[in-house]
Amino acid sequence: MKDSEKPDKCPFCGGFIEKGHTTFTVDLQFGVVVVRDVPAFVCSQCGADWIDDSISDKLESIVDDARQKHHLVEVTTLSD
């Protein structure tokens, strides 16, 4: 989601959407990837979150790297 595409209100509960952070997790069947402190748009009421397209690309790279390492658990933060 691009900043210009961000809705003003949450489509789920009607709460306000603000810039914040979230935790992104992926189950790879053989292990789990957890990325903390991911910049996102977050609903102040229900906590639903949306990740920007450029951040999503970075997360995809992290998941691909973890898949190659074949770790049982990989926990990281998103570095700019």
N, C-alpha and C. Protein backbone atom coordinates (compact mmCIF):
# COMPACT_ATOMS: atom_id res chain seq x y z
N MET A 1 0.84 -1.17 0.00
CA MET A 1 0.00 0.00 0.00
C MET A 1 0.89 1.24 0.00
N LYS A 2 0.66 2.13 -0.91
CA LYS A 2 1.39 3.38 -0.97
C LYS A 2 0.72 4.38 -0.04
N ASP A 3 1.51 5.34 0.47
CA ASP A 3 0.99 6.33 1.39
C ASP A 3 -0.23 7.04 0.82
N SER A 4 -0.21 7.30 -0.50
CA SER A 4 -1.34 7.99 -1.13
C SER A 4 -2.59 7.11 -1.20
N GLU A 5 -2.42 5.78 -1.06
CA GLU A 5 -3.55 4.84 -1.12
C GLU A 5 -4.13 4.56 0.27
N LYS A 6 -3.47 5.03 1.31
CA LYS A 6 -3.89 4.74 2.68
C LYS A 6 -5.25 5.38 2.96
N PRO A 7 -6.22 4.57 3.39
CA PRO A 7 -7.52 5.16 3.75
C PRO A 7 -7.40 5.94 5.06
N ASP A 8 -8.28 6.91 5.26
CA ASP A 8 -8.26 7.70 6.49
C ASP A 8 -8.83 6.92 7.66
N LYS A 9 -9.77 6.03 7.35
CA LYS A 9 -10.41 5.24 8.41
C LYS A 9 -10.28 3.76 8.11
N CYS A 10 -10.24 2.97 9.16
CA CYS A 10 -10.11 1.52 9.04
C CYS A 10 -11.36 0.94 8.38
N PRO A 11 -11.18 0.12 7.35
CA PRO A 11 -12.34 -0.49 6.70
C PRO A 11 -13.01 -1.56 7.56
N PHE A 12 -12.35 -1.99 8.63
CA PHE A 12 -12.91 -3.04 9.49
C PHE A 12 -13.76 -2.47 10.63
N CYS A 13 -13.24 -1.40 11.29
CA CYS A 13 -13.95 -0.89 12.47
C CYS A 13 -14.26 0.60 12.42
N GLY A 14 -13.68 1.30 11.44
CA GLY A 14 -13.92 2.74 11.35
C GLY A 14 -12.97 3.58 12.18
N GLY A 15 -12.00 2.94 12.86
CA GLY A 15 -11.02 3.68 13.65
C GLY A 15 -10.06 4.46 12.76
N PHE A 16 -9.25 5.31 13.38
CA PHE A 16 -8.30 6.12 12.64
C PHE A 16 -7.04 5.32 12.34
N ILE A 17 -6.49 5.50 11.14
CA ILE A 17 -5.27 4.81 10.74
C ILE A 17 -4.11 5.78 10.90
N GLU A 18 -3.08 5.33 11.62
CA GLU A 18 -1.92 6.16 11.92
C GLU A 18 -0.65 5.41 11.57
N LYS A 19 0.44 6.14 11.39
CA LYS A 19 1.73 5.49 11.19
C LYS A 19 2.15 4.86 12.51
N GLY A 20 2.71 3.65 12.41
CA GLY A 20 3.14 2.95 13.60
C GLY A 20 4.06 1.80 13.22
N HIS A 21 4.08 0.77 14.03
CA HIS A 21 4.91 -0.41 13.78
C HIS A 21 4.10 -1.67 14.06
N THR A 22 4.51 -2.76 13.42
CA THR A 22 3.86 -4.04 13.62
C THR A 22 4.91 -5.14 13.65
N THR A 23 4.49 -6.34 13.96
CA THR A 23 5.35 -7.51 13.89
C THR A 23 4.84 -8.38 12.75
N PHE A 24 5.75 -8.78 11.87
CA PHE A 24 5.44 -9.58 10.69
C PHE A 24 5.94 -11.00 10.93
N THR A 25 5.07 -11.99 10.77
CA THR A 25 5.48 -13.39 10.96
C THR A 25 5.10 -14.23 9.75
N VAL A 26 5.95 -15.22 9.47
CA VAL A 26 5.70 -16.15 8.38
C VAL A 26 6.02 -17.55 8.85
N ASP A 27 5.11 -18.50 8.63
CA ASP A 27 5.35 -19.91 8.93
C ASP A 27 5.82 -20.57 7.65
N LEU A 28 7.08 -21.05 7.66
CA LEU A 28 7.67 -21.68 6.47
C LEU A 28 7.53 -23.20 6.50
N GLN A 29 6.72 -23.73 7.38
CA GLN A 29 6.51 -25.16 7.59
C GLN A 29 7.66 -25.80 8.37
N PHE A 30 8.90 -25.53 8.00
CA PHE A 30 10.05 -26.07 8.73
C PHE A 30 10.51 -25.12 9.81
N GLY A 31 10.03 -23.90 9.79
CA GLY A 31 10.45 -22.89 10.76
C GLY A 31 9.58 -21.64 10.65
N VAL A 32 9.92 -20.66 11.48
CA VAL A 32 9.14 -19.43 11.56
C VAL A 32 10.09 -18.23 11.44
N VAL A 33 9.64 -17.22 10.70
CA VAL A 33 10.37 -15.96 10.59
C VAL A 33 9.54 -14.90 11.31
N VAL A 34 10.18 -14.14 12.19
CA VAL A 34 9.53 -13.05 12.91
C VAL A 34 10.35 -11.79 12.67
N VAL A 35 9.70 -10.77 12.13
CA VAL A 35 10.36 -9.48 11.92
C VAL A 35 9.63 -8.46 12.79
N ARG A 36 10.38 -7.88 13.73
CA ARG A 36 9.78 -6.92 14.67
C ARG A 36 10.01 -5.49 14.20
N ASP A 37 9.24 -4.58 14.72
CA ASP A 37 9.36 -3.13 14.45
C ASP A 37 9.25 -2.79 12.98
N VAL A 38 8.30 -3.39 12.30
CA VAL A 38 8.06 -3.12 10.87
C VAL A 38 7.19 -1.87 10.74
N PRO A 39 7.67 -0.84 10.02
CA PRO A 39 6.83 0.34 9.82
C PRO A 39 5.54 -0.05 9.08
N ALA A 40 4.43 0.47 9.58
CA ALA A 40 3.13 0.12 9.00
C ALA A 40 2.12 1.21 9.30
N PHE A 41 0.99 1.13 8.65
CA PHE A 41 -0.16 1.94 9.00
C PHE A 41 -1.02 1.07 9.91
N VAL A 42 -1.36 1.59 11.10
CA VAL A 42 -2.04 0.78 12.11
C VAL A 42 -3.32 1.48 12.58
N CYS A 43 -4.39 0.71 12.68
CA CYS A 43 -5.65 1.25 13.19
C CYS A 43 -5.52 1.47 14.69
N SER A 44 -5.86 2.67 15.13
CA SER A 44 -5.75 3.01 16.55
C SER A 44 -6.81 2.31 17.39
N GLN A 45 -7.84 1.78 16.75
CA GLN A 45 -8.93 1.15 17.50
C GLN A 45 -8.80 -0.38 17.54
N CYS A 46 -8.66 -1.04 16.38
CA CYS A 46 -8.67 -2.51 16.37
C CYS A 46 -7.28 -3.12 16.15
N GLY A 47 -6.31 -2.28 15.77
CA GLY A 47 -4.94 -2.80 15.60
C GLY A 47 -4.65 -3.41 14.25
N ALA A 48 -5.61 -3.40 13.32
CA ALA A 48 -5.34 -3.91 11.97
C ALA A 48 -4.18 -3.12 11.39
N ASP A 49 -3.36 -3.78 10.56
CA ASP A 49 -2.21 -3.07 10.01
C ASP A 49 -2.04 -3.32 8.52
N TRP A 50 -1.39 -2.36 7.87
CA TRP A 50 -1.11 -2.41 6.44
C TRP A 50 0.34 -2.02 6.25
N ILE A 51 1.02 -2.76 5.38
CA ILE A 51 2.45 -2.54 5.14
C ILE A 51 2.65 -1.93 3.76
N ASP A 52 3.49 -0.90 3.69
CA ASP A 52 3.82 -0.22 2.45
C ASP A 52 4.51 -1.18 1.48
N ASP A 53 4.31 -0.97 0.17
CA ASP A 53 4.90 -1.83 -0.85
C ASP A 53 6.41 -1.95 -0.74
N SER A 54 7.11 -0.84 -0.49
CA SER A 54 8.57 -0.88 -0.40
C SER A 54 9.03 -1.69 0.81
N ILE A 55 8.30 -1.62 1.91
CA ILE A 55 8.61 -2.41 3.10
C ILE A 55 8.32 -3.89 2.82
N SER A 56 7.26 -4.15 2.12
CA SER A 56 6.90 -5.52 1.75
C SER A 56 8.02 -6.18 0.93
N ASP A 57 8.64 -5.42 0.04
CA ASP A 57 9.76 -5.95 -0.75
C ASP A 57 10.92 -6.35 0.16
N LYS A 58 11.21 -5.52 1.17
CA LYS A 58 12.29 -5.83 2.12
C LYS A 58 11.95 -7.09 2.92
N LEU A 59 10.69 -7.22 3.32
CA LEU A 59 10.26 -8.40 4.08
C LEU A 59 10.39 -9.66 3.23
N GLU A 60 10.06 -9.56 1.97
CA GLU A 60 10.18 -10.71 1.07
C GLU A 60 11.64 -11.17 0.97
N SER A 61 12.55 -10.22 0.93
CA SER A 61 13.97 -10.55 0.89
C SER A 61 14.42 -11.25 2.18
N ILE A 62 13.94 -10.78 3.32
CA ILE A 62 14.27 -11.39 4.61
C ILE A 62 13.74 -12.83 4.65
N VAL A 63 12.52 -13.04 4.20
CA VAL A 63 11.93 -14.37 4.20
C VAL A 63 12.68 -15.30 3.25
N ASP A 64 13.05 -14.81 2.07
CA ASP A 64 13.84 -15.63 1.14
C ASP A 64 15.17 -16.05 1.74
N ASP A 65 15.83 -15.10 2.44
CA ASP A 65 17.10 -15.41 3.09
C ASP A 65 16.92 -16.46 4.18
N ALA A 66 15.87 -16.33 4.98
CA ALA A 66 15.59 -17.29 6.04
C ALA A 66 15.27 -18.67 5.46
N ARG A 67 14.57 -18.69 4.35
CA ARG A 67 14.22 -19.95 3.68
C ARG A 67 15.51 -20.67 3.25
N GLN A 68 16.48 -19.93 2.74
CA GLN A 68 17.74 -20.53 2.31
C GLN A 68 18.57 -21.04 3.49
N LYS A 69 18.53 -20.31 4.62
CA LYS A 69 19.26 -20.72 5.82
C LYS A 69 18.63 -21.96 6.46
N HIS A 70 17.33 -22.11 6.26
CA HIS A 70 16.56 -23.24 6.78
C HIS A 70 16.61 -23.31 8.31
N HIS A 71 16.58 -22.14 8.97
CA HIS A 71 16.56 -22.09 10.43
C HIS A 71 15.17 -22.47 10.96
N LEU A 72 15.15 -23.02 12.14
CA LEU A 72 13.89 -23.35 12.78
C LEU A 72 13.14 -22.06 13.17
N VAL A 73 13.90 -21.10 13.74
CA VAL A 73 13.32 -19.81 14.12
C VAL A 73 14.32 -18.71 13.74
N GLU A 74 13.83 -17.67 13.10
CA GLU A 74 14.66 -16.51 12.79
C GLU A 74 13.89 -15.28 13.23
N VAL A 75 14.49 -14.51 14.16
CA VAL A 75 13.87 -13.28 14.66
C VAL A 75 14.80 -12.14 14.30
N THR A 76 14.26 -11.11 13.68
CA THR A 76 15.07 -9.97 13.26
C THR A 76 14.24 -8.70 13.34
N THR A 77 14.89 -7.57 13.13
CA THR A 77 14.19 -6.30 12.99
C THR A 77 14.45 -5.79 11.57
N LEU A 78 13.61 -4.93 11.11
CA LEU A 78 13.75 -4.39 9.77
C LEU A 78 14.73 -3.22 9.84
N SER A 79 15.84 -3.33 9.12
CA SER A 79 16.81 -2.23 9.09
C SER A 79 16.61 -1.43 7.82
N ASP A 80 16.71 -0.13 7.94
CA ASP A 80 16.49 0.75 6.78
C ASP A 80 17.66 0.72 5.83
